[in-house]
Amino acid sequence: MSILKFRNAHAVTRAGITLSSQKGIAMKLSKKQKDIVKKYGHLFVNTGGNDIVELIERKGVTYFNNVIVAELQGCCYSQVLLIQAMMAKGILSA
């Protein structure tokens, strides 16, 4: 994940995720992304049995304080981004 710019000890990445060593990964799904989770969430793997939206938007999780949940967040968010990319290229229809 490449870091684009720094703002007050936070780095904004290409995917729009704000990374902070103190607050953890703060991810907020858009309405479109939540619709994707509703439609395709049953196909997601590596969710740990958690609600996908709640898992991705959970605050205060870092690799230093909860590596397992942080990894599950990353797995679920990457699946959302993959589906978005497939829809954008016309590989997957809405």
Protein backbone atom coordinates (compact mmCIF):
# COMPACT_ATOMS: atom_id res chain seq x y z
CA MET A 1 0.00 0.00 0.00
CA SER A 2 1.69 3.20 -1.07
CA ILE A 3 1.38 6.31 1.05
CA LEU A 4 0.45 9.45 -0.86
CA LYS A 5 0.61 12.33 1.62
CA PHE A 6 0.97 13.09 5.32
CA ARG A 7 -1.42 15.20 7.34
CA ASN A 8 -0.95 15.70 11.12
CA ALA A 9 0.85 12.40 11.73
CA HIS A 10 -1.72 10.57 9.59
CA ALA A 11 -1.01 9.09 6.20
CA VAL A 12 -3.65 8.86 3.51
CA THR A 13 -3.18 5.90 1.20
CA ARG A 14 -4.32 5.29 -2.34
CA ALA A 15 -7.38 3.40 -1.10
CA GLY A 16 -8.41 6.35 1.07
CA ILE A 17 -7.68 4.59 4.35
CA THR A 18 -6.34 6.84 7.09
CA LEU A 19 -3.51 5.20 9.00
CA SER A 20 -2.44 6.40 12.41
CA SER A 21 -0.05 4.68 14.77
CA GLN A 22 -2.07 5.93 17.74
CA LYS A 23 -5.67 5.41 16.65
CA GLY A 24 -5.39 2.38 14.41
CA ILE A 25 -6.99 2.02 11.03
CA ALA A 26 -10.08 4.15 10.64
CA MET A 27 -12.11 2.77 7.75
CA LYS A 28 -15.58 4.01 6.87
CA LEU A 29 -17.54 2.29 4.13
CA SER A 30 -19.49 4.38 1.64
CA LYS A 31 -23.16 3.69 0.90
CA LYS A 32 -22.15 1.93 -2.33
CA GLN A 33 -19.67 -0.27 -0.47
CA LYS A 34 -22.30 -1.17 2.14
CA ASP A 35 -24.65 -2.19 -0.67
CA ILE A 36 -21.91 -4.43 -2.07
CA VAL A 37 -21.51 -6.06 1.35
CA LYS A 38 -25.28 -6.65 1.57
CA LYS A 39 -25.40 -8.24 -1.87
CA TYR A 40 -22.16 -10.26 -1.86
CA GLY A 41 -21.33 -10.54 1.85
CA HIS A 42 -22.34 -14.20 1.98
CA LEU A 43 -19.45 -14.95 -0.41
CA PHE A 44 -16.78 -13.24 1.70
CA VAL A 45 -14.13 -15.42 3.31
CA ASN A 46 -12.00 -14.84 6.40
CA THR A 47 -14.57 -12.78 8.31
CA GLY A 48 -14.14 -14.62 11.58
CA GLY A 49 -17.93 -14.93 11.81
CA ASN A 50 -18.25 -11.17 12.34
CA ASP A 51 -20.67 -8.78 10.68
CA ILE A 52 -18.60 -7.42 7.79
CA VAL A 53 -19.58 -3.75 8.04
CA GLU A 54 -19.10 -3.72 11.81
CA LEU A 55 -15.74 -5.46 11.45
CA ILE A 56 -14.40 -3.04 8.84
CA GLU A 57 -15.61 0.06 10.70
CA ARG A 58 -14.38 -1.08 14.13
CA LYS A 59 -12.25 1.68 15.64
CA GLY A 60 -9.02 1.53 17.57
CA VAL A 61 -7.68 -1.68 16.07
CA THR A 62 -3.99 -1.83 15.16
CA TYR A 63 -1.55 -4.61 14.43
CA PHE A 64 0.03 -3.79 17.78
CA ASN A 65 -3.06 -4.20 19.98
CA ASN A 66 -5.11 -6.79 18.05
CA VAL A 67 -3.36 -8.37 15.10
CA ILE A 68 -6.12 -10.90 14.38
CA VAL A 69 -8.93 -8.34 14.06
CA ALA A 70 -6.68 -6.01 12.05
CA GLU A 71 -5.97 -8.82 9.60
CA LEU A 72 -9.67 -9.69 9.31
CA GLN A 73 -10.45 -6.01 8.63
CA GLY A 74 -7.90 -5.91 5.84
CA CYS A 75 -9.17 -9.13 4.29
CA CYS A 76 -12.78 -7.96 4.25
CA TYR A 77 -11.97 -4.48 2.98
CA SER A 78 -9.82 -5.86 0.17
CA GLN A 79 -12.73 -8.09 -0.92
CA VAL A 80 -15.01 -5.03 -1.07
CA LEU A 81 -12.41 -3.19 -3.19
CA LEU A 82 -12.01 -6.22 -5.46
CA ILE A 83 -15.76 -6.37 -6.12
CA GLN A 84 -15.82 -2.60 -6.76
CA ALA A 85 -12.99 -2.94 -9.29
CA MET A 86 -14.72 -5.84 -11.03
CA MET A 87 -17.94 -3.82 -11.29
CA ALA A 88 -16.05 -0.81 -12.66
CA LYS A 89 -14.45 -2.93 -15.38
CA GLY A 90 -17.76 -4.61 -16.26
CA ILE A 91 -16.60 -8.06 -15.18
CA LEU A 92 -19.34 -8.24 -12.54
CA SER A 93 -22.76 -6.77 -13.12
CA ALA A 94 -24.86 -5.05 -10.50
